[in-house]
Amino acid sequence: MREKIDLYPDYSAYINYIDNNGISTRIIQKIINKHRYNRKYNKDLYERYQAIANKVPIFEREPRFDEKAPINNKINDDFFGEIVDFKVGYFVGKPIAYSYSRTDESEEATGGKEAVNKARKAISDFVTRNNMFDVDMEITKYASICGYSGRLLYIDLEGNERVMPVAPYETIVLSDTEITEPKYAVRYYETRDINDNILWKAEFYDSADIYYYEGQLSGLKFIKKKPHLFDYCPLQGIPNNREMLGDAEKVLSLIDAYDRTMSDNSNDIESFSNAYMIFENINLTEEEVREAQKTGSFSFYNSSGGRVYFLTKDVNDTFSENHLNRIEDNIYRFSKTPNLTDETFGNGASGVSLKFKLTGLETKCGMFQAKMQSAGIYMFKVLASGLRKRTIKIDPLQCIMEFTRNFPLDLLSEAQAAQQLIAAGLPKEVAFTSALSFIDDIDYVMRLIEQEKNSIPPLTEDYNAYDDFEYSENGD
């Protein structure tokens, strides 16, 4: 679990100092130094997700007894990875739909229909060029593991606006409000030179420039400064929640307890400690015992009434199984992750029961979606400042992000429910909103229905379909 010092630091004093005195190498060092505990904890979490040997506690376990060839199983049940991957798949398994509004309001804000068309193309090109599906997946993964993620906008060598995810243990955001709206930011990361020596690089971002530093963390040196071509700080943070905690952090002790129990049970089975062989009135050397363990048989002369038999341990496997089941249930419960082995998720489960089981996950994803939308508004604000230099105008408030959960829809049941609500006398707008879960914008749907009606010629119009034809005397 995190200590208080491992939480994301408060940089309010640093913001005031930089506002009044500007940036310097000394301040960069102090900013990075203040972040070191949060960095280390988040890096450890990410490496635990990767199942790096010395970052998963069970892999560091030592044998209980000092034996010549001890049995010491280290079983890692990857609940940590499942909690993260399940959320990523559910939240952004279906790509976020980015678009630009096409309404009278957007035309007024952008500068007419032609300007809206240019803005729509610019947004579409930005999303396609950067593969926002992949960017959003990585950001969600980082945030789910470590509590927040970084996102950096930059101009590539061809002059195009690009965006990339940045690891949280490489990202420091200084903000007066939330890290989704940065005032200043620092990205720092470890590299190696051609001699395989560690070399640290740091980049400081303000509303106009990037300041580059290199060296050791204890002695960075200023290298150069250049404009980043945006009007706002282009490196932002995207928190998983306001506390910036990962999704699995509160159940790490439960996961460790499950791993220990599973490993202990495996040790007992492998060492045959549930049954001991008794040699009564028989003298055997240690070598003979080891040989018997290898071959499964041995011979001796029973002249002294000696005998060999097993002393079986009364193993309470029900207690062990119930203990593991309780831990497993609590891991899923307190991490708000559905257990897909639950019978509720069988083929006969209804959409209502499935959604009820997903309430915790949906609550968790709803909090993150709110942060993603706030971060999205700022991202488009920065993007707009870059596009403006290419005479393309976009209004960040007219940029749309549509989120669709990766949830199997029971369209037949929803359609039948909508029909029954309409038959009961409810307006279509109410019926569609209540029963059809895939409808996000009911006003847009109702407009489409009206447009479809208007495009169908009325059958009651009085006209002669044959008035335009001419008949010849021979009937042709």
Protein backbone atom coordinates (compact mmCIF):
# COMPACT_ATOMS: atom_id res chain seq x y z
CA MET A 1 0.00 0.00 0.00
CA ARG A 2 1.08 3.58 -0.58
CA GLU A 3 2.59 5.61 2.18
CA LYS A 4 1.47 9.22 2.31
CA ILE A 5 4.80 10.28 0.83
CA ASP A 6 4.09 8.11 -2.24
CA LEU A 7 1.05 10.19 -3.24
CA TYR A 8 1.28 12.74 -6.04
CA PRO A 9 3.05 15.85 -4.68
CA ASP A 10 1.62 19.35 -4.32
CA TYR A 11 3.49 21.76 -6.61
CA SER A 12 1.59 24.97 -5.80
CA ALA A 13 4.67 26.73 -4.38
CA TYR A 14 6.70 25.82 -7.47
CA ILE A 15 4.09 27.33 -9.78
CA ASN A 16 4.24 30.65 -7.94
CA TYR A 17 8.04 30.60 -8.00
CA ILE A 18 8.23 29.90 -11.75
CA ASP A 19 5.60 32.58 -12.46
CA ASN A 20 7.79 35.16 -10.72
CA ASN A 21 11.32 33.95 -11.45
CA GLY A 22 11.19 31.66 -14.47
CA ILE A 23 12.64 28.18 -14.77
CA SER A 24 16.17 27.14 -13.85
CA THR A 25 18.20 23.95 -13.54
CA ARG A 26 17.98 24.13 -9.75
CA ILE A 27 14.16 24.25 -9.84
CA ILE A 28 14.00 21.37 -12.32
CA GLN A 29 16.12 19.30 -9.91
CA LYS A 30 13.83 20.16 -6.98
CA ILE A 31 10.67 19.32 -8.98
CA ILE A 32 12.06 15.92 -9.99
CA ASN A 33 13.36 15.20 -6.50
CA LYS A 34 9.94 15.90 -4.98
CA HIS A 35 8.39 13.40 -7.41
CA ARG A 36 10.85 10.56 -6.72
CA TYR A 37 8.68 8.63 -4.23
CA ASN A 38 5.59 8.77 -6.44
CA ARG A 39 7.74 7.76 -9.41
CA LYS A 40 9.23 4.74 -7.64
CA TYR A 41 5.88 3.47 -6.39
CA ASN A 42 4.25 3.85 -9.83
CA LYS A 43 7.21 2.23 -11.58
CA ASP A 44 6.97 -0.71 -9.16
CA LEU A 45 3.26 -1.06 -9.94
CA TYR A 46 3.92 -1.07 -13.68
CA GLU A 47 6.67 -3.66 -13.34
CA ARG A 48 4.37 -5.79 -11.20
CA TYR A 49 1.86 -5.64 -14.06
CA GLN A 50 4.68 -6.85 -16.32
CA ALA A 51 5.34 -9.68 -13.80
CA ILE A 52 8.98 -8.67 -13.39
CA ALA A 53 10.51 -11.19 -10.97
CA ASN A 54 11.59 -8.90 -8.12
CA LYS A 55 8.42 -6.77 -8.29
CA VAL A 56 5.87 -9.51 -7.55
CA PRO A 57 6.09 -10.30 -3.79
CA ILE A 58 5.54 -14.04 -4.15
CA PHE A 59 8.57 -14.32 -6.45
CA GLU A 60 10.76 -13.01 -3.62
CA ARG A 61 9.55 -15.59 -1.12
CA GLU A 62 12.22 -17.61 0.72
CA PRO A 63 11.84 -21.23 1.97
CA ARG A 64 10.51 -21.57 5.49
CA PHE A 65 13.14 -24.08 6.55
CA ASP A 66 16.85 -24.37 5.89
CA GLU A 67 16.95 -27.56 3.82
CA LYS A 68 19.37 -28.98 1.29
CA ALA A 69 16.89 -28.91 -1.59
CA PRO A 70 13.85 -27.04 -0.28
CA ILE A 71 10.53 -27.03 -2.11
CA ASN A 72 9.51 -23.41 -2.54
CA ASN A 73 6.77 -22.90 -5.12
CA LYS A 74 6.10 -19.31 -6.18
CA ILE A 75 2.69 -19.17 -7.82
CA ASN A 76 1.56 -15.81 -9.16
CA ASP A 77 -2.19 -15.62 -9.78
CA ASP A 78 -2.41 -12.58 -12.04
CA PHE A 79 -5.45 -10.84 -10.55
CA PHE A 80 -3.54 -7.56 -10.93
CA GLY A 81 -3.34 -7.95 -14.71
CA GLU A 82 -6.96 -9.10 -14.96
CA ILE A 83 -8.26 -6.07 -13.06
CA VAL A 84 -6.37 -3.73 -15.39
CA ASP A 85 -7.05 -5.55 -18.66
CA PHE A 86 -10.76 -6.01 -17.91
CA LYS A 87 -11.23 -2.29 -17.40
CA VAL A 88 -9.24 -1.40 -20.51
CA GLY A 89 -11.27 -3.81 -22.64
CA TYR A 90 -14.60 -2.69 -21.19
CA PHE A 91 -13.88 1.04 -21.30
CA VAL A 92 -12.06 1.47 -24.62
CA GLY A 93 -12.46 -1.95 -26.25
CA LYS A 94 -14.76 -0.06 -28.59
CA PRO A 95 -12.88 3.05 -29.78
CA ILE A 96 -13.89 6.47 -28.52
CA ALA A 97 -15.61 8.26 -31.43
CA TYR A 98 -14.08 11.70 -32.06
CA SER A 99 -15.94 14.13 -34.29
CA TYR A 100 -16.80 17.79 -34.79
CA SER A 101 -20.33 19.06 -34.30
CA ARG A 102 -22.33 19.99 -37.40
CA THR A 103 -24.98 22.34 -36.04
CA ASP A 104 -25.97 25.99 -36.40
CA GLU A 105 -24.06 26.71 -33.19
CA SER A 106 -20.88 25.09 -34.51
CA GLU A 107 -21.17 27.00 -37.80
CA GLU A 108 -21.49 30.25 -35.89
CA ALA A 109 -18.55 29.43 -33.61
CA THR A 110 -16.33 28.16 -36.43
CA GLY A 111 -17.15 30.60 -39.23
CA GLY A 112 -19.66 28.99 -41.57
CA LYS A 113 -20.26 25.66 -43.29
CA GLU A 114 -16.98 25.64 -45.17
CA ALA A 115 -15.04 26.29 -41.96
CA VAL A 116 -16.93 23.47 -40.24
CA ASN A 117 -16.05 21.09 -43.08
CA LYS A 118 -12.36 22.04 -42.77
CA ALA A 119 -12.53 21.55 -39.00
CA ARG A 120 -14.18 18.14 -39.38
CA LYS A 121 -11.47 17.03 -41.80
CA ALA A 122 -8.72 18.31 -39.48
CA ILE A 123 -10.17 16.36 -36.53
CA SER A 124 -10.61 13.23 -38.65
CA ASP A 125 -7.03 13.44 -39.94
CA PHE A 126 -5.71 13.99 -36.40
CA VAL A 127 -7.55 10.94 -35.06
CA THR A 128 -6.49 8.71 -37.98
CA ARG A 129 -2.87 9.90 -38.11
CA ASN A 130 -2.33 9.31 -34.41
CA ASN A 131 -4.40 6.11 -34.16
CA MET A 132 -6.30 7.48 -31.17
CA PHE A 133 -7.66 4.00 -30.48
CA ASP A 134 -4.16 2.86 -29.53
CA VAL A 135 -3.36 6.11 -27.64
CA ASP A 136 -6.56 5.82 -25.57
CA MET A 137 -5.88 2.14 -24.80
CA GLU A 138 -2.39 2.94 -23.48
CA ILE A 139 -3.60 5.93 -21.47
CA THR A 140 -6.36 3.84 -19.87
CA LYS A 141 -3.87 1.08 -19.05
CA TYR A 142 -1.37 3.47 -17.45
CA ALA A 143 -4.10 5.21 -15.44
CA SER A 144 -5.58 1.91 -14.27
CA ILE A 145 -2.19 0.63 -13.11
CA CYS A 146 -0.61 3.75 -11.60
CA GLY A 147 -3.45 6.21 -10.96
CA TYR A 148 -2.73 8.62 -13.81
CA SER A 149 -1.18 8.86 -17.26
CA GLY A 150 0.58 11.53 -19.27
CA ARG A 151 -0.36 12.71 -22.78
CA LEU A 152 1.92 14.85 -24.93
CA LEU A 153 1.04 16.83 -28.07
CA TYR A 154 3.89 17.70 -30.42
CA ILE A 155 4.63 18.72 -34.01
CA ASP A 156 6.38 16.04 -36.07
CA LEU A 157 9.06 16.59 -38.72
CA GLU A 158 6.39 16.92 -41.42
CA GLY A 159 4.62 19.69 -39.53
CA ASN A 160 1.66 17.57 -38.43
CA GLU A 161 0.05 17.67 -34.98
CA ARG A 162 0.74 14.43 -33.13
CA VAL A 163 -0.10 12.99 -29.72
CA MET A 164 1.46 10.21 -27.64
CA PRO A 165 0.91 8.57 -24.24
CA VAL A 166 3.60 9.19 -21.61
CA ALA A 167 4.28 6.87 -18.67
CA PRO A 168 3.16 8.33 -15.31
CA TYR A 169 6.54 7.69 -13.72
CA GLU A 170 8.02 9.98 -16.40
CA THR A 171 5.39 12.72 -16.11
CA ILE A 172 5.14 15.63 -13.68
CA VAL A 173 2.32 18.14 -14.17
CA LEU A 174 2.17 21.46 -12.32
CA SER A 175 -1.38 22.79 -12.25
CA ASP A 176 -3.45 25.31 -10.32
CA THR A 177 -6.58 23.16 -10.79
CA GLU A 178 -6.28 19.55 -12.00
CA ILE A 179 -3.50 17.86 -13.91
CA THR A 180 -5.80 17.71 -16.95
CA GLU A 181 -5.16 21.48 -17.28
CA PRO A 182 -1.40 21.97 -16.83
CA LYS A 183 0.36 25.27 -16.42
CA TYR A 184 3.83 23.72 -16.55
CA ALA A 185 5.02 20.15 -17.00
CA VAL A 186 8.17 18.06 -16.87
CA ARG A 187 8.96 14.83 -18.67
CA TYR A 188 12.06 12.98 -17.52
CA TYR A 189 13.32 9.55 -18.47
CA GLU A 190 16.32 7.26 -18.37
CA THR A 191 18.37 6.47 -21.49
CA ARG A 192 21.79 4.95 -22.20
CA ASP A 193 24.66 6.27 -24.26
CA ILE A 194 26.73 4.22 -26.72
CA ASN A 195 28.91 3.00 -23.85
CA ASP A 196 25.80 1.71 -22.03
CA ASN A 197 26.11 4.35 -19.33
CA ILE A 198 22.89 5.70 -17.80
CA LEU A 199 21.97 9.16 -19.08
CA TRP A 200 18.91 11.04 -17.86
CA LYS A 201 17.00 13.48 -20.05
CA ALA A 202 14.43 16.02 -18.90
CA GLU A 203 12.09 18.36 -20.78
CA PHE A 204 10.32 21.32 -19.22
CA TYR A 205 7.19 22.64 -20.94
CA ASP A 206 5.50 26.01 -20.52
CA SER A 207 2.95 27.74 -22.76
CA ALA A 208 5.51 28.51 -25.48
CA ASP A 209 8.79 26.58 -25.23
CA ILE A 210 10.53 23.31 -24.40
CA TYR A 211 13.68 23.42 -22.24
CA TYR A 212 15.99 20.42 -22.63
CA TYR A 213 18.29 19.04 -19.91
CA GLU A 214 20.69 16.08 -19.77
CA GLY A 215 23.00 14.39 -17.27
CA GLN A 216 22.52 12.55 -14.02
CA LEU A 217 19.44 13.13 -11.85
CA SER A 218 21.67 14.74 -9.25
CA GLY A 219 23.35 16.99 -11.82
CA LEU A 220 21.27 17.88 -14.87
CA LYS A 221 22.64 20.46 -17.31
CA PHE A 222 20.70 22.81 -19.58
CA ILE A 223 21.13 21.90 -23.29
CA LYS A 224 18.82 24.06 -25.39
CA LYS A 225 15.43 25.71 -25.72
CA LYS A 226 13.00 25.69 -28.64
CA PRO A 227 9.33 26.58 -29.25
CA HIS A 228 6.78 23.73 -29.27
CA LEU A 229 4.43 25.73 -31.60
CA PHE A 230 1.35 25.58 -29.37
CA ASP A 231 -0.12 28.34 -27.21
CA TYR A 232 -0.56 26.18 -24.10
CA CYS A 233 1.47 23.60 -22.20
CA PRO A 234 1.24 20.47 -24.40
CA LEU A 235 1.97 17.82 -21.71
CA GLN A 236 -1.08 17.03 -19.59
CA GLY A 237 -2.03 14.40 -17.04
CA ILE A 238 -5.12 12.19 -17.09
CA PRO A 239 -6.03 10.93 -13.59
CA ASN A 240 -7.79 7.64 -12.96
CA ASN A 241 -9.68 9.35 -10.15
CA ARG A 242 -9.22 12.45 -8.04
CA GLU A 243 -6.97 10.59 -5.58
CA MET A 244 -4.81 9.30 -8.49
CA LEU A 245 -4.88 5.69 -7.25
CA GLY A 246 -4.69 2.59 -9.44
CA ASP A 247 -7.58 0.15 -9.68
CA ALA A 248 -5.77 -2.75 -7.97
CA GLU A 249 -3.97 -0.86 -5.20
CA LYS A 250 -6.58 -1.50 -2.50
CA VAL A 251 -6.55 -5.28 -3.03
CA LEU A 252 -2.80 -5.91 -3.32
CA SER A 253 -2.67 -7.52 0.14
CA LEU A 254 -5.54 -9.85 -0.84
CA ILE A 255 -3.75 -10.86 -4.03
CA ASP A 256 -0.57 -11.56 -2.05
CA ALA A 257 -2.54 -13.66 0.46
CA TYR A 258 -4.05 -15.71 -2.38
CA ASP A 259 -0.59 -16.29 -3.90
CA ARG A 260 0.83 -17.41 -0.54
CA THR A 261 -2.00 -19.87 0.10
CA MET A 262 -1.78 -21.34 -3.38
CA SER A 263 2.00 -21.66 -3.09
CA ASP A 264 1.75 -23.32 0.35
CA ASN A 265 -0.80 -25.84 -0.93
CA SER A 266 1.43 -26.60 -3.91
CA ASN A 267 4.41 -27.09 -1.57
CA ASP A 268 2.44 -29.59 0.53
CA ILE A 269 1.39 -31.58 -2.54
CA GLU A 270 4.85 -31.65 -4.07
CA SER A 271 6.64 -32.56 -0.83
CA PHE A 272 4.08 -35.26 0.08
CA SER A 273 3.74 -33.64 3.49
CA ASN A 274 0.14 -34.80 3.60
CA ALA A 275 1.48 -38.34 4.10
CA TYR A 276 4.68 -39.45 5.87
CA MET A 277 6.28 -42.88 5.45
CA ILE A 278 6.96 -44.66 8.75
CA PHE A 279 9.81 -47.18 9.10
CA GLU A 280 9.13 -49.22 12.22
CA ASN A 281 11.99 -51.33 13.63
CA ILE A 282 14.00 -50.87 10.41
CA ASN A 283 17.41 -49.27 10.08
CA LEU A 284 17.75 -47.42 6.76
CA THR A 285 20.47 -45.07 5.69
CA GLU A 286 19.69 -41.64 4.30
CA GLU A 287 20.89 -42.79 0.91
CA GLU A 288 18.47 -45.72 0.95
CA VAL A 289 15.58 -43.40 1.81
CA ARG A 290 16.45 -41.06 -1.08
CA GLU A 291 16.66 -44.04 -3.45
CA ALA A 292 13.25 -45.23 -2.29
CA GLN A 293 11.81 -41.78 -2.99
CA LYS A 294 13.19 -41.91 -6.52
CA THR A 295 12.13 -45.45 -7.44
CA GLY A 296 9.02 -45.76 -5.29
CA SER A 297 10.15 -49.12 -3.90
CA PHE A 298 12.83 -50.71 -1.70
CA SER A 299 13.61 -54.09 -0.12
CA PHE A 300 14.53 -55.12 3.43
CA TYR A 301 14.66 -58.25 5.57
CA ASN A 302 11.82 -58.43 8.04
CA SER A 303 13.60 -60.51 10.66
CA SER A 304 12.90 -58.13 13.54
CA GLY A 305 9.20 -57.67 12.97
CA GLY A 306 9.71 -54.32 11.28
CA ARG A 307 7.18 -52.83 8.95
CA VAL A 308 6.66 -49.82 6.65
CA TYR A 309 3.45 -47.79 6.39
CA PHE A 310 2.13 -44.26 5.73
CA LEU A 311 1.02 -41.83 8.36
CA THR A 312 -1.63 -39.75 6.60
CA LYS A 313 -2.34 -36.20 7.60
CA ASP A 314 -5.99 -35.29 8.00
CA VAL A 315 -6.09 -32.39 5.53
CA ASN A 316 -9.07 -30.07 5.84
CA ASP A 317 -9.29 -29.22 2.15
CA THR A 318 -12.74 -27.64 2.64
CA PHE A 319 -11.24 -24.98 4.91
CA SER A 320 -8.48 -24.23 2.39
CA GLU A 321 -10.92 -24.06 -0.54
CA ASN A 322 -13.34 -21.79 1.33
CA HIS A 323 -10.45 -19.55 2.36
CA LEU A 324 -9.33 -19.17 -1.27
CA ASN A 325 -12.89 -18.57 -2.47
CA ARG A 326 -13.44 -15.84 0.11
CA ILE A 327 -10.19 -14.11 -0.85
CA GLU A 328 -11.06 -14.36 -4.55
CA ASP A 329 -14.53 -12.92 -4.00
CA ASN A 330 -13.09 -10.02 -2.00
CA ILE A 331 -10.48 -9.27 -4.68
CA TYR A 332 -13.18 -8.90 -7.32
CA ARG A 333 -15.58 -7.12 -4.97
CA PHE A 334 -13.23 -4.46 -3.67
CA SER A 335 -11.55 -3.83 -7.03
CA LYS A 336 -15.03 -3.46 -8.61
CA THR A 337 -14.19 -6.07 -11.25
CA PRO A 338 -16.78 -8.66 -12.36
CA ASN A 339 -15.83 -12.29 -11.83
CA LEU A 340 -16.58 -13.93 -15.17
CA THR A 341 -16.54 -17.38 -13.57
CA ASP A 342 -19.67 -16.37 -11.66
CA GLU A 343 -22.74 -18.30 -12.81
CA THR A 344 -24.47 -14.95 -13.34
CA PHE A 345 -22.46 -14.59 -16.55
CA GLY A 346 -23.82 -17.82 -18.02
CA ASN A 347 -25.62 -18.03 -21.34
CA GLY A 348 -29.02 -17.73 -19.70
CA ALA A 349 -28.27 -14.47 -17.91
CA SER A 350 -30.49 -11.52 -18.78
CA GLY A 351 -29.24 -8.07 -19.72
CA VAL A 352 -30.62 -6.62 -16.49
CA SER A 353 -28.76 -9.08 -14.26
CA LEU A 354 -25.52 -8.56 -16.19
CA LYS A 355 -25.77 -4.79 -15.87
CA PHE A 356 -26.43 -5.11 -12.15
CA LYS A 357 -23.24 -7.16 -11.77
CA LEU A 358 -21.36 -4.47 -13.72
CA THR A 359 -22.54 -1.60 -11.52
CA GLY A 360 -19.21 -1.32 -9.65
CA LEU A 361 -17.17 -1.45 -12.84
CA GLU A 362 -19.45 1.10 -14.50
CA THR A 363 -19.06 3.45 -11.53
CA LYS A 364 -15.27 3.16 -11.77
CA CYS A 365 -15.33 3.72 -15.54
CA GLY A 366 -17.74 6.64 -15.16
CA MET A 367 -15.26 8.46 -12.92
CA PHE A 368 -12.48 7.90 -15.41
CA GLN A 369 -14.68 8.96 -18.32
CA ALA A 370 -15.32 12.29 -16.60
CA LYS A 371 -11.55 12.82 -16.32
CA MET A 372 -11.03 11.77 -19.96
CA GLN A 373 -13.63 14.29 -21.13
CA SER A 374 -12.01 17.10 -19.14
CA ALA A 375 -8.63 16.12 -20.57
CA GLY A 376 -10.14 15.91 -24.05
CA ILE A 377 -11.40 19.49 -23.91
CA TYR A 378 -7.89 20.67 -23.01
CA MET A 379 -6.31 18.48 -25.71
CA PHE A 380 -8.53 20.04 -28.38
CA LYS A 381 -7.78 23.47 -26.97
CA VAL A 382 -4.05 22.85 -27.48
CA LEU A 383 -4.70 21.30 -30.89
CA ALA A 384 -6.78 24.32 -31.94
CA SER A 385 -3.87 26.63 -31.14
CA GLY A 386 -1.65 24.58 -33.46
CA LEU A 387 -4.20 24.35 -36.28
CA ARG A 388 -4.77 28.08 -36.08
CA LYS A 389 -1.25 28.58 -37.42
CA ARG A 390 -2.36 26.67 -40.52
CA THR A 391 -5.48 28.89 -40.84
CA ILE A 392 -7.76 26.06 -39.68
CA LYS A 393 -10.18 27.13 -36.99
CA ILE A 394 -11.81 24.74 -34.54
CA ASP A 395 -13.79 25.45 -31.39
CA PRO A 396 -12.72 22.99 -28.66
CA LEU A 397 -16.24 23.03 -27.21
CA GLN A 398 -17.64 21.73 -30.52
CA CYS A 399 -15.32 18.68 -30.51
CA ILE A 400 -17.25 15.57 -29.57
CA MET A 401 -16.07 12.45 -27.72
CA GLU A 402 -18.56 9.55 -27.69
CA PHE A 403 -17.84 6.66 -25.31
CA THR A 404 -19.32 3.21 -25.92
CA ARG A 405 -18.81 0.42 -23.41
CA ASN A 406 -17.68 -2.93 -24.74
CA PHE A 407 -20.81 -4.67 -23.46
CA PRO A 408 -22.81 -7.33 -25.39
CA LEU A 409 -26.15 -5.75 -26.24
CA ASP A 410 -29.41 -7.71 -26.07
CA LEU A 411 -30.95 -5.83 -28.99
CA LEU A 412 -33.96 -8.13 -29.33
CA SER A 413 -35.05 -7.64 -25.71
CA GLU A 414 -34.43 -3.88 -25.89
CA ALA A 415 -36.41 -3.55 -29.14
CA GLN A 416 -39.33 -5.50 -27.65
CA ALA A 417 -39.26 -3.36 -24.53
CA ALA A 418 -39.29 -0.16 -26.64
CA GLN A 419 -42.28 -1.42 -28.66
CA GLN A 420 -44.20 -2.27 -25.50
CA LEU A 421 -43.52 1.19 -24.04
CA ILE A 422 -44.77 2.84 -27.23
CA ALA A 423 -47.84 0.57 -27.26
CA ALA A 424 -48.52 1.63 -23.66
CA GLY A 425 -48.85 5.21 -24.85
CA LEU A 426 -45.44 6.66 -24.03
CA PRO A 427 -43.84 9.03 -26.55
CA LYS A 428 -41.17 7.50 -28.78
CA GLU A 429 -38.55 9.81 -27.32
CA VAL A 430 -39.19 8.46 -23.81
CA ALA A 431 -39.39 4.85 -24.99
CA PHE A 432 -36.15 5.02 -26.96
CA THR A 433 -34.26 6.73 -24.12
CA SER A 434 -35.50 4.26 -21.50
CA ALA A 435 -35.14 0.98 -23.40
CA LEU A 436 -32.43 1.36 -26.04
CA SER A 437 -29.05 1.47 -24.33
CA PHE A 438 -27.07 2.16 -27.53
CA ILE A 439 -28.73 5.58 -28.04
CA ASP A 440 -26.57 8.34 -26.56
CA ASP A 441 -28.09 11.40 -28.26
CA ILE A 442 -31.86 11.09 -28.44
CA ASP A 443 -32.27 14.52 -30.08
CA TYR A 444 -30.02 13.43 -32.96
CA VAL A 445 -32.01 10.19 -33.38
CA MET A 446 -35.33 12.03 -33.44
CA ARG A 447 -33.99 14.45 -36.06
CA LEU A 448 -32.94 11.50 -38.22
CA ILE A 449 -36.44 10.01 -37.90
CA GLU A 450 -38.00 13.30 -39.02
CA GLN A 451 -35.57 13.61 -41.94
CA GLU A 452 -36.43 10.08 -43.01
CA LYS A 453 -40.13 10.90 -42.91
CA ASN A 454 -39.64 14.05 -44.98
CA SER A 455 -37.70 12.16 -47.64
CA ILE A 456 -40.61 9.76 -48.32
CA PRO A 457 -43.22 11.17 -50.78
CA PRO A 458 -46.75 11.12 -49.30
CA LEU A 459 -49.04 8.42 -50.67
CA THR A 460 -52.15 10.65 -50.42
CA GLU A 461 -50.95 13.27 -52.93
CA ASP A 462 -53.44 13.63 -55.83
CA TYR A 463 -51.63 13.23 -59.14
CA ASN A 464 -51.88 11.11 -62.26
CA ALA A 465 -48.77 9.04 -62.69
CA TYR A 466 -49.48 8.68 -66.38
CA ASP A 467 -49.87 12.36 -67.30
CA ASP A 468 -46.31 12.55 -68.59
CA PHE A 469 -46.71 9.68 -71.04
CA GLU A 470 -47.90 10.09 -74.67
CA TYR A 471 -49.99 7.42 -76.41
CA SER A 472 -49.90 6.70 -80.13
CA GLU A 473 -52.88 5.61 -82.12
CA ASN A 474 -51.57 2.08 -82.50
CA GLY A 475 -51.41 1.72 -78.72
CA ASP A 476 -47.61 1.91 -78.40
